PDB file of N, CA and C in Angstrom:
ATOM      1  N   MET A   1      43.557   8.203  -5.262  1.00  0.00           N
ATOM      2  CA  MET A   1      42.334   8.191  -6.066  1.00  0.00           C
ATOM      3  C   MET A   1      41.348   7.155  -5.384  1.00  0.00           C
ATOM      4  N   ARG A   2      41.838   6.055  -4.841  1.00  0.00           N
ATOM      5  CA  ARG A   2      41.027   4.948  -4.199  1.00  0.00           C
ATOM      6  C   ARG A   2      40.332   5.714  -2.998  1.00  0.00           C
ATOM      7  N   SER A   3      41.037   6.476  -2.173  1.00  0.00           N
ATOM      8  CA  SER A   3      40.338   7.118  -1.032  1.00  0.00           C
ATOM      9  C   SER A   3      39.282   8.040  -1.410  1.00  0.00           C
ATOM     10  N   GLY A   4      39.542   8.725  -2.524  1.00  0.00           N
ATOM     11  CA  GLY A   4      38.467   9.724  -3.023  1.00  0.00           C
ATOM     12  C   GLY A   4      37.211   8.991  -3.426  1.00  0.00           C
ATOM     13  N   SER A   5      37.381   7.792  -4.095  1.00  0.00           N
ATOM     14  CA  SER A   5      36.178   7.006  -4.396  1.00  0.00           C
ATOM     15  C   SER A   5      35.490   6.484  -3.204  1.00  0.00           C
ATOM     16  N   ALA A   6      36.232   5.995  -2.202  1.00  0.00           N
ATOM     17  CA  ALA A   6      35.653   5.538  -1.002  1.00  0.00           C
ATOM     18  C   ALA A   6      34.953   6.643  -0.288  1.00  0.00           C
ATOM     19  N   LEU A   7      35.503   7.830  -0.244  1.00  0.00           N
ATOM     20  CA  LEU A   7      34.804   8.934   0.408  1.00  0.00           C
ATOM     21  C   LEU A   7      33.446   9.286  -0.297  1.00  0.00           C
ATOM     22  N   LEU A   8      33.548   9.264  -1.690  1.00  0.00           N
ATOM     23  CA  LEU A   8      32.354   9.626  -2.506  1.00  0.00           C
ATOM     24  C   LEU A   8      31.197   8.477  -2.093  1.00  0.00           C
ATOM     25  N   LEU A   9      31.612   7.280  -2.078  1.00  0.00           N
ATOM     26  CA  LEU A   9      30.711   6.167  -1.740  1.00  0.00           C
ATOM     27  C   LEU A   9      29.997   6.344  -0.444  1.00  0.00           C
ATOM     28  N   VAL A  10      30.818   6.750   0.681  1.00  0.00           N
ATOM     29  CA  VAL A  10      30.333   6.972   1.876  1.00  0.00           C
ATOM     30  C   VAL A  10      29.367   8.119   1.986  1.00  0.00           C
ATOM     31  N   LEU A  11      29.692   9.137   1.213  1.00  0.00           N
ATOM     32  CA  LEU A  11      28.801  10.287   1.250  1.00  0.00           C
ATOM     33  C   LEU A  11      27.510  10.005   0.472  1.00  0.00           C
ATOM     34  N   LEU A  12      27.624   9.272  -0.536  1.00  0.00           N
ATOM     35  CA  LEU A  12      26.410   8.959  -1.271  1.00  0.00           C
ATOM     36  C   LEU A  12      25.501   7.994  -0.496  1.00  0.00           C
ATOM     37  N   LEU A  13      26.118   6.979   0.266  1.00  0.00           N
ATOM     38  CA  LEU A  13      25.265   6.112   1.016  1.00  0.00           C
ATOM     39  C   LEU A  13      24.676   6.823   2.155  1.00  0.00           C
ATOM     40  N   GLY A  14      25.398   7.754   2.764  1.00  0.00           N
ATOM     41  CA  GLY A  14      24.835   8.547   3.901  1.00  0.00           C
ATOM     42  C   GLY A  14      23.676   9.506   3.482  1.00  0.00           C
ATOM     43  N   SER A  15      23.717   9.910   2.216  1.00  0.00           N
ATOM     44  CA  SER A  15      22.681  10.730   1.749  1.00  0.00           C
ATOM     45  C   SER A  15      21.270  10.008   1.623  1.00  0.00           C
ATOM     46  N   PHE A  16      21.283   8.738   1.675  1.00  0.00           N
ATOM     47  CA  PHE A  16      20.122   7.841   1.473  1.00  0.00           C
ATOM     48  C   PHE A  16      19.440   7.465   2.764  1.00  0.00           C
ATOM     49  N   GLN A  17      20.081   7.848   3.864  1.00  0.00           N
ATOM     50  CA  GLN A  17      19.555   7.542   5.151  1.00  0.00           C
ATOM     51  C   GLN A  17      18.426   8.538   5.471  1.00  0.00           C
ATOM     52  N   PRO A  18      17.367   7.941   6.047  1.00  0.00           N
ATOM     53  CA  PRO A  18      16.242   8.831   6.410  1.00  0.00           C
ATOM     54  C   PRO A  18      16.731   9.831   7.575  1.00  0.00           C
ATOM     55  N   SER A  19      16.127  11.072   7.427  1.00  0.00           N
ATOM     56  CA  SER A  19      16.520  12.001   8.498  1.00  0.00           C
ATOM     57  C   SER A  19      15.746  11.779   9.727  1.00  0.00           C
ATOM     58  N   SER A  20      16.255  12.059  10.871  1.00  0.00           N
ATOM     59  CA  SER A  20      15.533  11.967  12.116  1.00  0.00           C
ATOM     60  C   SER A  20      15.453  13.292  12.813  1.00  0.00           C
ATOM     61  N   GLY A  21      14.731  14.077  12.125  1.00  0.00           N
ATOM     62  CA  GLY A  21      14.512  15.476  12.659  1.00  0.00           C
ATOM     63  C   GLY A  21      13.573  15.628  13.896  1.00  0.00           C
ATOM     64  N   GLY A  22      12.821  14.522  14.116  1.00  0.00           N
ATOM     65  CA  GLY A  22      11.887  14.548  15.145  1.00  0.00           C
ATOM     66  C   GLY A  22      10.885  13.345  14.931  1.00  0.00           C
ATOM     67  N   PRO A  23       9.987  13.244  15.856  1.00  0.00           N
ATOM     68  CA  PRO A  23       9.020  12.202  15.742  1.00  0.00           C
ATOM     69  C   PRO A  23       8.083  12.459  14.591  1.00  0.00           C
ATOM     70  N   GLU A  24       7.657  11.379  13.880  1.00  0.00           N
ATOM     71  CA  GLU A  24       6.784  11.539  12.719  1.00  0.00           C
ATOM     72  C   GLU A  24       5.289  11.311  13.277  1.00  0.00           C
ATOM     73  N   SER A  25       4.401  11.874  12.580  1.00  0.00           N
ATOM     74  CA  SER A  25       3.000  11.712  12.996  1.00  0.00           C
ATOM     75  C   SER A  25       2.587  10.274  12.511  1.00  0.00           C
ATOM     76  N   PRO A  26       1.499   9.656  13.106  1.00  0.00           N
ATOM     77  CA  PRO A  26       1.117   8.348  12.745  1.00  0.00           C
ATOM     78  C   PRO A  26       0.894   8.290  11.253  1.00  0.00           C
ATOM     79  N   ASP A  27       0.319   9.286  10.604  1.00  0.00           N
ATOM     80  CA  ASP A  27      -0.045   9.217   9.145  1.00  0.00           C
ATOM     81  C   ASP A  27       1.305   9.119   8.394  1.00  0.00           C
ATOM     82  N   GLN A  28       2.336   9.758   8.795  1.00  0.00           N
ATOM     83  CA  GLN A  28       3.582   9.690   8.104  1.00  0.00           C
ATOM     84  C   GLN A  28       4.274   8.381   8.306  1.00  0.00           C
ATOM     85  N   GLN A  29       4.125   7.799   9.394  1.00  0.00           N
ATOM     86  CA  GLN A  29       4.733   6.518   9.785  1.00  0.00           C
ATOM     87  C   GLN A  29       4.080   5.487   8.855  1.00  0.00           C
ATOM     88  N   ASN A  30       2.791   5.446   8.581  1.00  0.00           N
ATOM     89  CA  ASN A  30       2.110   4.458   7.831  1.00  0.00           C
ATOM     90  C   ASN A  30       1.968   4.790   6.409  1.00  0.00           C
ATOM     91  N   LYS A  31       2.567   5.856   6.047  1.00  0.00           N
ATOM     92  CA  LYS A  31       2.398   6.382   4.568  1.00  0.00           C
ATOM     93  C   LYS A  31       2.986   5.346   3.569  1.00  0.00           C
ATOM     94  N   GLU A  32       2.146   4.822   2.602  1.00  0.00           N
ATOM     95  CA  GLU A  32       2.782   4.051   1.590  1.00  0.00           C
ATOM     96  C   GLU A  32       2.231   4.452   0.289  1.00  0.00           C
ATOM     97  N   CYS A  33       3.119   4.864  -0.505  1.00  0.00           N
ATOM     98  CA  CYS A  33       2.736   5.414  -1.832  1.00  0.00           C
ATOM     99  C   CYS A  33       3.026   4.512  -2.958  1.00  0.00           C
ATOM    100  N   CYS A  34       2.325   4.496  -3.986  1.00  0.00           N
ATOM    101  CA  CYS A  34       2.503   3.702  -5.191  1.00  0.00           C
ATOM    102  C   CYS A  34       3.135   4.527  -6.321  1.00  0.00           C
ATOM    103  N   PHE A  35       4.179   3.923  -6.944  1.00  0.00           N
ATOM    104  CA  PHE A  35       4.756   4.696  -8.058  1.00  0.00           C
ATOM    105  C   PHE A  35       4.672   3.868  -9.356  1.00  0.00           C
ATOM    106  N   LYS A  36       4.140   2.699  -9.328  1.00  0.00           N
ATOM    107  CA  LYS A  36       3.804   1.803 -10.421  1.00  0.00           C
ATOM    108  C   LYS A  36       2.589   1.050 -10.168  1.00  0.00           C
ATOM    109  N   LEU A  37       1.728   1.087 -11.158  1.00  0.00           N
ATOM    110  CA  LEU A  37       0.397   0.493 -10.883  1.00  0.00           C
ATOM    111  C   LEU A  37       0.351  -0.757 -11.841  1.00  0.00           C
ATOM    112  N   SER A  38      -0.237  -1.715 -11.208  1.00  0.00           N
ATOM    113  CA  SER A  38      -0.544  -2.996 -12.119  1.00  0.00           C
ATOM    114  C   SER A  38      -1.682  -2.786 -12.987  1.00  0.00           C
ATOM    115  N   GLN A  39      -1.471  -3.314 -14.220  1.00  0.00           N
ATOM    116  CA  GLN A  39      -2.488  -3.156 -15.273  1.00  0.00           C
ATOM    117  C   GLN A  39      -3.331  -4.392 -15.340  1.00  0.00           C
ATOM    118  N   ARG A  40      -2.946  -5.512 -14.804  1.00  0.00           N
ATOM    119  CA  ARG A  40      -3.620  -6.724 -14.984  1.00  0.00           C
ATOM    120  C   ARG A  40      -4.806  -6.844 -13.818  1.00  0.00           C
ATOM    121  N   LYS A  41      -5.929  -7.362 -14.265  1.00  0.00           N
ATOM    122  CA  LYS A  41      -6.995  -7.628 -13.354  1.00  0.00           C
ATOM    123  C   LYS A  41      -6.727  -8.702 -12.384  1.00  0.00           C
ATOM    124  N   LEU A  42      -6.845  -8.459 -11.099  1.00  0.00           N
ATOM    125  CA  LEU A  42      -6.591  -9.356 -10.057  1.00  0.00           C
ATOM    126  C   LEU A  42      -7.769 -10.250  -9.732  1.00  0.00           C
ATOM    127  N   PRO A  43      -7.602 -11.512  -9.416  1.00  0.00           N
ATOM    128  CA  PRO A  43      -8.746 -12.287  -9.043  1.00  0.00           C
ATOM    129  C   PRO A  43      -9.289 -11.927  -7.618  1.00  0.00           C
ATOM    130  N   LEU A  44     -10.595 -11.696  -7.597  1.00  0.00           N
ATOM    131  CA  LEU A  44     -11.224 -11.244  -6.390  1.00  0.00           C
ATOM    132  C   LEU A  44     -10.964 -12.253  -5.297  1.00  0.00           C
ATOM    133  N   LYS A  45     -11.061 -13.484  -5.574  1.00  0.00           N
ATOM    134  CA  LYS A  45     -11.005 -14.434  -4.530  1.00  0.00           C
ATOM    135  C   LYS A  45      -9.664 -14.512  -3.814  1.00  0.00           C
ATOM    136  N   ARG A  46      -8.684 -13.984  -4.370  1.00  0.00           N
ATOM    137  CA  ARG A  46      -7.256 -13.850  -3.801  1.00  0.00           C
ATOM    138  C   ARG A  46      -7.077 -12.618  -2.970  1.00  0.00           C
ATOM    139  N   ILE A  47      -8.009 -11.693  -3.034  1.00  0.00           N
ATOM    140  CA  ILE A  47      -7.835 -10.321  -2.351  1.00  0.00           C
ATOM    141  C   ILE A  47      -8.289 -10.480  -0.997  1.00  0.00           C
ATOM    142  N   VAL A  48      -7.454 -10.108   0.058  1.00  0.00           N
ATOM    143  CA  VAL A  48      -7.832 -10.188   1.508  1.00  0.00           C
ATOM    144  C   VAL A  48      -8.409  -8.818   1.956  1.00  0.00           C
ATOM    145  N   SER A  49      -7.797  -7.788   1.489  1.00  0.00           N
ATOM    146  CA  SER A  49      -8.266  -6.428   1.918  1.00  0.00           C
ATOM    147  C   SER A  49      -7.728  -5.408   0.973  1.00  0.00           C
ATOM    148  N   TYR A  50      -8.185  -4.146   1.163  1.00  0.00           N
ATOM    149  CA  TYR A  50      -7.604  -3.109   0.310  1.00  0.00           C
ATOM    150  C   TYR A  50      -7.583  -1.874   1.104  1.00  0.00           C
ATOM    151  N   ARG A  51      -6.787  -0.813   0.763  1.00  0.00           N
ATOM    152  CA  ARG A  51      -6.662   0.401   1.264  1.00  0.00           C
ATOM    153  C   ARG A  51      -6.313   1.464   0.253  1.00  0.00           C
ATOM    154  N   HIS A  52      -6.574   2.724   0.543  1.00  0.00           N
ATOM    155  CA  HIS A  52      -6.180   3.796  -0.329  1.00  0.00           C
ATOM    156  C   HIS A  52      -4.844   4.373   0.095  1.00  0.00           C
ATOM    157  N   THR A  53      -4.106   4.844  -0.813  1.00  0.00           N
ATOM    158  CA  THR A  53      -2.874   5.469  -0.483  1.00  0.00           C
ATOM    159  C   THR A  53      -3.167   6.874   0.209  1.00  0.00           C
ATOM    160  N   SER A  54      -2.159   7.399   0.931  1.00  0.00           N
ATOM    161  CA  SER A  54      -2.360   8.603   1.684  1.00  0.00           C
ATOM    162  C   SER A  54      -2.534   9.812   0.633  1.00  0.00           C
ATOM    163  N   SER A  55      -3.264  10.823   1.118  1.00  0.00           N
ATOM    164  CA  SER A  55      -3.450  11.991   0.311  1.00  0.00           C
ATOM    165  C   SER A  55      -2.139  12.824   0.132  1.00  0.00           C
ATOM    166  N   ASN A  56      -1.068  12.388   0.878  1.00  0.00           N
ATOM    167  CA  ASN A  56       0.179  13.001   0.690  1.00  0.00           C
ATOM    168  C   ASN A  56       1.065  12.441  -0.321  1.00  0.00           C
ATOM    169  N   CYS A  57       0.627  11.289  -1.029  1.00  0.00           N
ATOM    170  CA  CYS A  57       1.252  10.607  -2.131  1.00  0.00           C
ATOM    171  C   CYS A  57       1.116  11.476  -3.415  1.00  0.00           C
ATOM    172  N   PRO A  58       2.061  11.307  -4.278  1.00  0.00           N
ATOM    173  CA  PRO A  58       1.961  12.128  -5.541  1.00  0.00           C
ATOM    174  C   PRO A  58       0.855  11.706  -6.348  1.00  0.00           C
ATOM    175  N   SER A  59       0.355  10.401  -6.263  1.00  0.00           N
ATOM    176  CA  SER A  59      -0.668   9.992  -7.166  1.00  0.00           C
ATOM    177  C   SER A  59      -1.691   9.116  -6.259  1.00  0.00           C
ATOM    178  N   SER A  60      -2.969   9.089  -6.511  1.00  0.00           N
ATOM    179  CA  SER A  60      -3.851   8.255  -5.795  1.00  0.00           C
ATOM    180  C   SER A  60      -3.758   6.832  -6.296  1.00  0.00           C
ATOM    181  N   ALA A  61      -3.936   5.812  -5.438  1.00  0.00           N
ATOM    182  CA  ALA A  61      -3.952   4.422  -5.821  1.00  0.00           C
ATOM    183  C   ALA A  61      -4.647   3.671  -4.798  1.00  0.00           C
ATOM    184  N   VAL A  62      -4.991   2.377  -5.151  1.00  0.00           N
ATOM    185  CA  VAL A  62      -5.575   1.461  -4.260  1.00  0.00           C
ATOM    186  C   VAL A  62      -4.591   0.345  -4.050  1.00  0.00           C
ATOM    187  N   ILE A  63      -4.365  -0.078  -2.825  1.00  0.00           N
ATOM    188  CA  ILE A  63      -3.460  -1.123  -2.622  1.00  0.00           C
ATOM    189  C   ILE A  63      -4.190  -2.406  -2.237  1.00  0.00           C
ATOM    190  N   PHE A  64      -4.181  -3.438  -3.013  1.00  0.00           N
ATOM    191  CA  PHE A  64      -4.879  -4.617  -2.678  1.00  0.00           C
ATOM    192  C   PHE A  64      -3.841  -5.591  -1.966  1.00  0.00           C
ATOM    193  N   LYS A  65      -4.275  -6.036  -0.809  1.00  0.00           N
ATOM    194  CA  LYS A  65      -3.467  -7.013  -0.053  1.00  0.00           C
ATOM    195  C   LYS A  65      -3.971  -8.462  -0.477  1.00  0.00           C
ATOM    196  N   MET A  66      -2.999  -9.257  -0.975  1.00  0.00           N
ATOM    197  CA  MET A  66      -3.371 -10.597  -1.562  1.00  0.00           C
ATOM    198  C   MET A  66      -3.166 -11.587  -0.507  1.00  0.00           C
ATOM    199  N   MET A  67      -3.754 -12.850  -0.680  1.00  0.00           N
ATOM    200  CA  MET A  67      -3.574 -13.954   0.126  1.00  0.00           C
ATOM    201  C   MET A  67      -2.128 -14.376   0.398  1.00  0.00           C
ATOM    202  N   SER A  68      -1.366 -14.170  -0.696  1.00  0.00           N
ATOM    203  CA  SER A  68       0.073 -14.516  -0.613  1.00  0.00           C
ATOM    204  C   SER A  68       0.868 -13.447   0.303  1.00  0.00           C
ATOM    205  N   GLY A  69       0.181 -12.408   0.774  1.00  0.00           N
ATOM    206  CA  GLY A  69       0.934 -11.465   1.567  1.00  0.00           C
ATOM    207  C   GLY A  69       1.475 -10.303   0.696  1.00  0.00           C
ATOM    208  N   ARG A  70       1.387 -10.354  -0.629  1.00  0.00           N
ATOM    209  CA  ARG A  70       1.847  -9.291  -1.475  1.00  0.00           C
ATOM    210  C   ARG A  70       0.817  -8.182  -1.493  1.00  0.00           C
ATOM    211  N   SER A  71       1.414  -6.867  -1.576  1.00  0.00           N
ATOM    212  CA  SER A  71       0.567  -5.769  -1.783  1.00  0.00           C
ATOM    213  C   SER A  71       0.681  -5.284  -3.161  1.00  0.00           C
ATOM    214  N   ILE A  72      -0.419  -5.110  -3.899  1.00  0.00           N
ATOM    215  CA  ILE A  72      -0.369  -4.733  -5.359  1.00  0.00           C
ATOM    216  C   ILE A  72      -1.099  -3.402  -5.576  1.00  0.00           C
ATOM    217  N   CYS A  73      -0.429  -2.376  -6.172  1.00  0.00           N
ATOM    218  CA  CYS A  73      -1.071  -1.166  -6.385  1.00  0.00           C
ATOM    219  C   CYS A  73      -1.859  -1.166  -7.692  1.00  0.00           C
ATOM    220  N   VAL A  74      -2.966  -0.483  -7.716  1.00  0.00           N
ATOM    221  CA  VAL A  74      -3.790  -0.490  -8.889  1.00  0.00           C
ATOM    222  C   VAL A  74      -4.445   0.882  -9.005  1.00  0.00           C
ATOM    223  N   ASP A  75      -4.921   1.274 -10.124  1.00  0.00           N
ATOM    224  CA  ASP A  75      -5.613   2.539 -10.516  1.00  0.00           C
ATOM    225  C   ASP A  75      -6.988   2.570  -9.828  1.00  0.00           C
ATOM    226  N   PRO A  76      -7.285   3.390  -9.066  1.00  0.00           N
ATOM    227  CA  PRO A  76      -8.615   3.476  -8.432  1.00  0.00           C
ATOM    228  C   PRO A  76      -9.793   3.936  -9.466  1.00  0.00           C
ATOM    229  N   LYS A  77      -9.349   4.499 -10.516  1.00  0.00           N
ATOM    230  CA  LYS A  77     -10.344   4.903 -11.567  1.00  0.00           C
ATOM    231  C   LYS A  77     -10.777   3.710 -12.496  1.00  0.00           C
ATOM    232  N   THR A  78     -10.139   2.602 -12.422  1.00  0.00           N
ATOM    233  CA  THR A  78     -10.477   1.439 -13.290  1.00  0.00           C
ATOM    234  C   THR A  78     -11.702   0.812 -12.792  1.00  0.00           C
ATOM    235  N   LYS A  79     -12.580   0.425 -13.745  1.00  0.00           N
ATOM    236  CA  LYS A  79     -13.839  -0.099 -13.496  1.00  0.00           C
ATOM    237  C   LYS A  79     -13.811  -1.418 -12.556  1.00  0.00           C
ATOM    238  N   TRP A  80     -12.927  -2.319 -12.960  1.00  0.00           N
ATOM    239  CA  TRP A  80     -12.795  -3.586 -12.201  1.00  0.00           C
ATOM    240  C   TRP A  80     -12.368  -3.322 -10.782  1.00  0.00           C
ATOM    241  N   VAL A  81     -11.471  -2.337 -10.577  1.00  0.00           N
ATOM    242  CA  VAL A  81     -11.026  -2.012  -9.257  1.00  0.00           C
ATOM    243  C   VAL A  81     -12.144  -1.569  -8.332  1.00  0.00           C
ATOM    244  N   ASN A  82     -13.040  -0.699  -8.885  1.00  0.00           N
ATOM    245  CA  ASN A  82     -14.219  -0.285  -8.088  1.00  0.00           C
ATOM    246  C   ASN A  82     -15.141  -1.462  -7.821  1.00  0.00           C
ATOM    247  N   VAL A  83     -15.300  -2.318  -8.739  1.00  0.00           N
ATOM    248  CA  VAL A  83     -16.242  -3.455  -8.594  1.00  0.00           C
ATOM    249  C   VAL A  83     -15.607  -4.299  -7.392  1.00  0.00           C
ATOM    250  N   HIS A  84     -14.372  -4.547  -7.450  1.00  0.00           N
ATOM    251  CA  HIS A  84     -13.724  -5.412  -6.376  1.00  0.00           C
ATOM    252  C   HIS A  84     -13.851  -4.697  -5.100  1.00  0.00           C
ATOM    253  N   MET A  85     -13.634  -3.347  -5.019  1.00  0.00           N
ATOM    254  CA  MET A  85     -13.779  -2.644  -3.687  1.00  0.00           C
ATOM    255  C   MET A  85     -15.140  -2.797  -3.200  1.00  0.00           C
ATOM    256  N   LYS A  86     -16.178  -2.650  -4.030  1.00  0.00           N
ATOM    257  CA  LYS A  86     -17.623  -2.715  -3.531  1.00  0.00           C
ATOM    258  C   LYS A  86     -17.857  -4.087  -3.012  1.00  0.00           C
ATOM    259  N   GLU A  87     -17.337  -5.175  -3.749  1.00  0.00           N
ATOM    260  CA  GLU A  87     -17.530  -6.569  -3.338  1.00  0.00           C
ATOM    261  C   GLU A  87     -16.864  -6.739  -1.982  1.00  0.00           C
ATOM    262  N   MET A  88     -15.655  -6.232  -1.783  1.00  0.00           N
ATOM    263  CA  MET A  88     -15.007  -6.435  -0.441  1.00  0.00           C
ATOM    264  C   MET A  88     -15.723  -5.630   0.620  1.00  0.00           C
ATOM    265  N   ASP A  89     -16.295  -4.506   0.287  1.00  0.00           N
ATOM    266  CA  ASP A  89     -17.101  -3.839   1.319  1.00  0.00           C
ATOM    267  C   ASP A  89     -18.440  -4.633   1.722  1.00  0.00           C
ATOM    268  N   GLN A  90     -18.933  -5.269   0.663  1.00  0.00           N
ATOM    269  CA  GLN A  90     -20.131  -6.124   0.957  1.00  0.00           C
ATOM    270  C   GLN A  90     -19.734  -7.284   1.828  1.00  0.00           C
ATOM    271  N   ARG A  91     -18.601  -7.853   1.511  1.00  0.00           N
ATOM    272  CA  ARG A  91     -18.173  -9.101   2.341  1.00  0.00           C
ATOM    273  C   ARG A  91     -17.998  -8.622   3.727  1.00  0.00           C
ATOM    274  N   LYS A  92     -17.403  -7.407   3.951  1.00  0.00           N
ATOM    275  CA  LYS A  92     -17.164  -7.025   5.375  1.00  0.00           C
ATOM    276  C   LYS A  92     -18.465  -6.711   6.066  1.00  0.00           C
ATOM    277  N   THR A  93     -19.420  -6.143   5.401  1.00  0.00           N
ATOM    278  CA  THR A  93     -20.694  -5.745   5.854  1.00  0.00           C
ATOM    279  C   THR A  93     -21.429  -7.016   6.306  1.00  0.00           C
ATOM    280  N   ALA A  94     -21.482  -7.951   5.386  1.00  0.00           N
ATOM    281  CA  ALA A  94     -22.203  -9.212   5.636  1.00  0.00           C
ATOM    282  C   ALA A  94     -21.590 -10.017   6.807  1.00  0.00           C
ATOM    283  N   SER A  95     -20.287 -10.060   6.920  1.00  0.00           N
ATOM    284  CA  SER A  95     -19.655 -10.767   7.958  1.00  0.00           C
ATOM    285  C   SER A  95     -19.869 -10.070   9.347  1.00  0.00           C
ATOM    286  N   SER A  96     -20.013  -8.758   9.320  1.00  0.00           N
ATOM    287  CA  SER A  96     -20.324  -7.971  10.632  1.00  0.00           C
ATOM    288  C   SER A  96     -21.682  -8.134  11.011  1.00  0.00           C
ATOM    289  N   LYS A  97     -22.581  -8.433  10.040  1.00  0.00           N
ATOM    290  CA  LYS A  97     -24.117  -8.513  10.388  1.00  0.00           C
ATOM    291  C   LYS A  97     -24.317  -9.930  11.006  1.00  0.00           C
ATOM    292  N   GLU A  98     -23.476 -10.888  10.577  1.00  0.00           N
ATOM    293  CA  GLU A  98     -23.774 -12.274  11.016  1.00  0.00           C
ATOM    294  C   GLU A  98     -23.489 -12.334  12.510  1.00  0.00           C
ATOM    295  N   LYS A  99     -24.510 -12.830  13.241  1.00  0.00           N
ATOM    296  CA  LYS A  99     -24.406 -12.867  14.666  1.00  0.00           C
ATOM    297  C   LYS A  99     -24.204 -14.468  15.029  1.00  0.00           C
ATOM    298  N   PRO A 100     -23.308 -14.728  16.004  1.00  0.00           N
ATOM    299  CA  PRO A 100     -23.145 -16.100  16.304  1.00  0.00           C
ATOM    300  C   PRO A 100     -24.295 -16.582  17.065  1.00  0.00           C
ATOM    301  N   THR A 101     -24.737 -17.788  16.777  1.00  0.00           N
ATOM    302  CA  THR A 101     -25.983 -18.465  17.376  1.00  0.00           C
ATOM    303  C   THR A 101     -25.501 -19.046  18.677  1.00  0.00           C
ATOM    304  N   THR A 102     -26.216 -18.858  19.734  1.00  0.00           N
ATOM    305  CA  THR A 102     -25.944 -19.481  21.069  1.00  0.00           C
ATOM    306  C   THR A 102     -27.067 -20.477  21.390  1.00  0.00           C
ATOM    307  N   PRO A 103     -26.694 -21.640  21.807  1.00  0.00           N
ATOM    308  CA  PRO A 103     -27.845 -22.624  22.136  1.00  0.00           C
ATOM    309  C   PRO A 103     -28.523 -22.294  23.326  1.00  0.00           C
TER     310      PRO A 103
END
């Protein structure tokens, strides 16, 4: 009975290994999907960047990268999320327009 349990365990663990049927496309390598969305409003000053999940994911989401290094998934249809994304875009645009002054 013990060997049967051990065999079952090995088979189950083996089934969770990713398949290596061939090289993945860059989109598949970087694909990150969200399955649980945070409901709380995140402080804008702690957000470093954001990105949208892949179109191959089962649901759309925005992933905010925080100063702490954590990635937090949020609903892109939420008003505060859109406001934060616009603010982040404005920050990026403003910093790219700034030219270093040379004496």
